[in-house]
Protein backbone atom coordinates (compact mmCIF):
# COMPACT_ATOMS: atom_id res chain seq x y z
CA MET A 1 76.59 -21.02 -64.99
CA SER A 2 75.26 -23.03 -62.08
CA ARG A 3 71.77 -22.52 -60.74
CA ALA A 4 71.16 -21.94 -57.09
CA ALA A 5 69.82 -24.99 -55.39
CA GLU A 6 66.08 -25.02 -54.85
CA PRO A 7 65.23 -24.64 -51.17
CA SER A 8 64.11 -27.93 -49.74
CA VAL A 9 60.77 -28.23 -48.01
CA VAL A 10 60.96 -29.87 -44.61
CA ASP A 11 57.85 -30.87 -42.73
CA ASP A 12 57.63 -29.29 -39.32
CA PRO A 13 57.55 -32.17 -36.81
CA ASN A 14 55.48 -29.99 -34.48
CA PRO A 15 53.22 -27.93 -36.73
CA THR A 16 51.16 -25.15 -35.22
CA PRO A 17 47.53 -26.28 -35.10
CA ASP A 18 45.05 -24.31 -37.14
CA LEU A 19 42.86 -22.67 -34.49
CA THR A 20 40.98 -20.44 -36.92
CA LEU A 21 37.27 -20.90 -37.52
CA ALA A 22 38.02 -22.71 -40.79
CA GLY A 23 40.27 -25.15 -38.97
CA LEU A 24 37.66 -25.75 -36.29
CA VAL A 25 34.98 -26.39 -38.90
CA HIS A 26 37.30 -28.85 -40.66
CA ASP A 27 37.97 -30.79 -37.47
CA LEU A 28 34.30 -30.86 -36.50
CA ASN A 29 33.46 -32.15 -39.96
CA ASN A 30 35.74 -35.12 -39.30
CA VAL A 31 33.97 -35.74 -36.00
CA PHE A 32 30.56 -35.58 -37.66
CA GLU A 33 31.73 -37.97 -40.37
CA THR A 34 32.83 -40.52 -37.77
CA ILE A 35 29.52 -40.26 -35.93
CA SER A 36 27.62 -40.61 -39.19
CA GLU A 37 29.57 -43.73 -40.17
CA ALA A 38 28.89 -45.26 -36.75
CA ALA A 39 25.17 -44.58 -37.18
CA GLU A 40 25.30 -46.24 -40.60
CA LEU A 41 26.79 -49.37 -39.02
CA VAL A 42 24.02 -49.75 -36.45
CA SER A 43 21.24 -48.90 -38.93
CA GLY A 44 21.29 -52.49 -40.16
CA ASP A 45 19.77 -53.62 -36.87
CA PRO A 46 15.98 -53.13 -37.07
CA GLN A 47 15.84 -52.28 -33.37
CA SER A 48 18.44 -49.51 -33.82
CA ARG A 49 17.15 -48.09 -37.11
CA ALA A 50 15.13 -45.24 -35.52
CA LEU A 51 18.09 -44.31 -33.32
CA ALA A 52 20.42 -44.28 -36.33
CA GLN A 53 18.05 -41.96 -38.20
CA ALA A 54 17.92 -39.60 -35.21
CA ILE A 55 21.74 -39.57 -35.07
CA HIS A 56 21.93 -38.73 -38.78
CA ARG A 57 19.52 -35.82 -38.28
CA SER A 58 21.56 -34.56 -35.34
CA VAL A 59 24.73 -34.71 -37.43
CA ASP A 60 23.02 -32.68 -40.14
CA ARG A 61 22.02 -30.07 -37.56
CA GLY A 62 25.55 -29.89 -36.24
CA ARG A 63 26.91 -29.32 -39.72
CA ARG A 64 24.45 -26.53 -40.33
CA ILE A 65 25.29 -24.86 -37.02
CA VAL A 66 29.03 -24.73 -37.72
CA GLY A 67 28.41 -23.40 -41.19
CA LEU A 68 29.24 -26.47 -43.27
CA TYR A 69 26.02 -26.11 -45.14
CA VAL A 70 25.62 -22.93 -47.15
CA ASP A 71 22.09 -21.67 -47.25
CA GLN A 72 20.65 -22.10 -50.73
CA SER A 73 19.29 -18.58 -50.65
CA ARG A 74 21.21 -15.44 -49.73
CA SER A 75 18.01 -13.57 -49.02
CA GLY A 76 17.62 -15.04 -45.54
CA PRO A 77 16.34 -18.30 -44.05
CA GLU A 78 12.76 -19.43 -44.61
CA LEU A 79 10.93 -19.23 -41.30
CA ASP A 80 8.61 -22.19 -41.87
CA LEU A 81 11.57 -24.45 -42.71
CA VAL A 82 13.51 -23.30 -39.65
CA VAL A 83 10.54 -24.02 -37.36
CA GLU A 84 10.00 -27.42 -38.97
CA ARG A 85 13.63 -28.42 -38.37
CA ALA A 86 13.46 -27.30 -34.75
CA ALA A 87 10.25 -29.27 -34.24
CA THR A 88 11.91 -32.40 -35.66
CA PHE A 89 14.84 -31.89 -33.30
CA LEU A 90 12.42 -31.68 -30.37
CA GLN A 91 10.85 -35.03 -31.24
CA ASP A 92 14.32 -36.62 -31.38
CA PHE A 93 15.15 -35.07 -28.01
CA LEU A 94 11.94 -36.37 -26.45
CA THR A 95 13.13 -39.94 -26.92
CA HIS A 96 15.35 -39.19 -23.90
CA LEU A 97 12.34 -38.07 -21.81
CA PRO A 98 10.17 -41.19 -21.50
CA GLY A 99 6.51 -40.43 -20.96
CA THR A 100 6.77 -36.87 -22.31
CA LYS A 101 4.77 -36.17 -25.47
CA VAL A 102 4.73 -32.71 -27.01
CA LYS A 103 2.78 -31.60 -30.06
CA VAL A 104 4.06 -28.57 -31.99
CA ILE A 105 1.29 -26.61 -33.72
CA ARG A 106 2.74 -24.41 -36.47
CA LYS A 107 0.83 -21.44 -37.84
CA VAL A 108 3.63 -20.02 -39.97
CA PRO A 109 2.79 -18.66 -43.44
CA ALA A 110 5.11 -19.70 -46.24
CA GLY A 111 7.41 -17.12 -47.79
CA ILE A 112 8.55 -15.28 -44.64
CA ARG A 113 12.32 -14.87 -44.58
CA LEU A 114 14.31 -13.62 -41.62
CA GLN A 115 17.53 -11.66 -41.49
CA GLY A 116 20.41 -13.74 -40.21
CA GLU A 117 21.71 -17.28 -40.57
CA PRO A 118 19.43 -20.33 -40.75
CA SER A 119 21.46 -22.16 -38.09
CA ASP A 120 21.11 -19.25 -35.66
CA TRP A 121 17.34 -19.11 -35.95
CA GLU A 122 17.14 -22.87 -35.72
CA ARG A 123 18.96 -22.63 -32.38
CA VAL A 124 16.48 -20.00 -31.20
CA PHE A 125 13.48 -22.26 -31.79
CA MET A 126 15.27 -25.39 -30.59
CA ASN A 127 15.97 -23.73 -27.24
CA LEU A 128 12.45 -22.31 -26.92
CA PHE A 129 10.94 -25.74 -27.67
CA LEU A 130 13.28 -27.52 -25.25
CA ASN A 131 12.50 -25.00 -22.52
CA ALA A 132 8.77 -25.56 -23.00
CA ALA A 133 9.15 -29.36 -23.07
CA GLN A 134 11.14 -29.34 -19.84
CA ALA A 135 8.51 -27.15 -18.19
CA MET A 136 5.69 -29.50 -19.27
CA LYS A 137 7.57 -32.71 -18.42
CA GLU A 138 5.95 -33.24 -15.01
CA ASN A 139 2.51 -33.25 -16.64
CA GLY A 140 3.57 -35.73 -19.30
CA GLY A 141 3.91 -33.09 -22.01
CA GLY A 142 1.51 -30.76 -23.76
CA GLU A 143 1.32 -28.45 -26.74
CA ILE A 144 3.58 -25.76 -28.17
CA GLU A 145 2.07 -23.28 -30.60
CA VAL A 146 4.09 -21.14 -32.99
CA VAL A 147 2.26 -18.24 -34.64
CA ALA A 148 3.92 -15.85 -37.10
CA GLN A 149 2.54 -12.65 -38.57
CA ALA A 150 4.52 -10.36 -40.87
CA ALA A 151 3.81 -6.68 -41.40
CA ASP A 152 5.73 -3.49 -42.24
CA GLY A 153 9.14 -5.09 -42.72
CA SER A 154 9.09 -7.17 -39.55
CA VAL A 155 7.56 -10.38 -38.22
CA GLU A 156 6.05 -11.11 -34.84
CA LEU A 157 6.64 -14.66 -33.62
CA ARG A 158 4.63 -15.98 -30.69
CA VAL A 159 5.77 -19.25 -29.09
CA SER A 160 3.44 -20.44 -26.33
CA ASP A 161 2.93 -23.61 -24.30
CA ASN A 162 0.34 -24.93 -21.87
CA GLY A 163 2.74 -25.71 -19.06
CA PRO A 164 2.85 -24.21 -15.56
CA GLY A 165 4.04 -20.81 -16.73
CA ILE A 166 6.91 -18.68 -15.39
CA PRO A 167 6.91 -17.62 -11.72
CA ASP A 168 6.66 -13.84 -11.46
CA ALA A 169 9.74 -13.77 -9.20
CA ILE A 170 12.03 -14.96 -12.01
CA LEU A 171 10.45 -13.36 -15.09
CA GLY A 172 13.10 -10.63 -15.13
CA LYS A 173 15.98 -13.09 -14.81
CA ILE A 174 15.32 -15.90 -17.28
CA PHE A 175 17.39 -14.40 -20.11
CA LYS A 176 20.48 -13.98 -17.93
CA PRO A 177 23.37 -16.42 -18.59
CA ARG A 178 23.64 -19.39 -16.23
CA PHE A 179 20.25 -18.69 -14.65
CA SER A 180 18.33 -21.93 -14.25
CA THR A 181 15.70 -23.39 -11.96
CA ARG A 182 17.09 -26.84 -12.80
CA SER A 183 20.47 -27.36 -11.15
CA LYS A 184 21.51 -30.07 -13.61
CA HIS A 185 21.32 -27.73 -16.59
CA GLY A 186 23.61 -24.86 -17.52
CA GLY A 187 20.91 -22.22 -17.88
CA LEU A 188 22.13 -20.98 -21.26
CA GLY A 189 19.16 -21.87 -23.47
CA LEU A 190 17.08 -18.72 -23.05
CA HIS A 191 20.21 -16.58 -22.92
CA ILE A 192 21.09 -17.98 -26.37
CA VAL A 193 17.59 -17.09 -27.58
CA HIS A 194 17.97 -13.52 -26.33
CA THR A 195 21.51 -13.07 -27.69
CA ILE A 196 20.84 -14.42 -31.19
CA THR A 197 17.59 -12.48 -31.52
CA GLN A 198 19.38 -9.23 -30.65
CA GLN A 199 22.26 -10.00 -33.01
CA CYS A 200 19.73 -10.41 -35.82
CA GLY A 201 18.21 -7.01 -35.06
CA GLY A 202 15.21 -8.24 -33.11
CA SER A 203 13.91 -8.44 -29.56
CA VAL A 204 12.30 -11.07 -27.34
CA LYS A 205 10.11 -10.84 -24.26
CA ALA A 206 8.69 -13.45 -21.92
CA GLU A 207 5.40 -13.43 -20.07
CA ASN A 208 2.63 -15.73 -18.91
CA ARG A 209 -0.37 -16.41 -21.09
CA LYS A 210 -3.46 -14.45 -20.19
CA ASP A 211 -5.98 -16.79 -21.80
CA SER A 212 -4.79 -19.96 -20.03
CA ALA A 213 -1.90 -21.50 -18.13
CA GLY A 214 1.49 -21.51 -19.79
CA ALA A 215 4.33 -19.30 -20.95
CA LEU A 216 4.47 -17.00 -23.96
CA PHE A 217 7.59 -15.78 -25.74
CA THR A 218 7.18 -13.00 -28.30
CA ILE A 219 9.94 -12.29 -30.79
CA THR A 220 9.91 -9.28 -33.09
CA ALA A 221 12.47 -9.51 -35.90
CA PRO A 222 13.18 -7.81 -39.24
CA VAL A 223 12.37 -9.74 -42.40
CA ALA A 224 14.86 -10.15 -45.22
């Protein structure tokens, strides 16, 4: 009795690309790997070593943002670690703004965990820090202070700077997408802050400091 022939497997010469999130993450991982290898090549040059280290850190951030790194704890990201990573990103970014020096003062108690993904909260603080640095650029930089206080199942985060502050005429518009006072930029940074904060069950408001010049952003978010 003869057996039916096994169906042959033929490779599709024009396969349908995987456009799912998993496929996108896979492709981005290949991109990050190429960038990382390029940074490794230039790291042998003493003059390029600092740049190579900054590239490696940026690759790590990109991997976290697309979800390639799984958070070690399922109980929510550690706030102090998230702020520290965002502050490191800011210092790398400032290498592209010659003459601008910004000090980040962190008053964040250890042990506070937020609801949501670490990469999302890292983006929130990265965008707040970048917004402050851009505002203080004309004065050569300044200080950003991050203060956190947890109570009754939530945490209040206050991010302030000593820049020129926010003109009253635009205070109600700064969280809108594509709104920017700098034509060269897309105006999405503060919109990202607002969107992610809401998605994580929190809220954010912007105002000018009352004790001195500068802007103040207050985020209220649930703790994990």
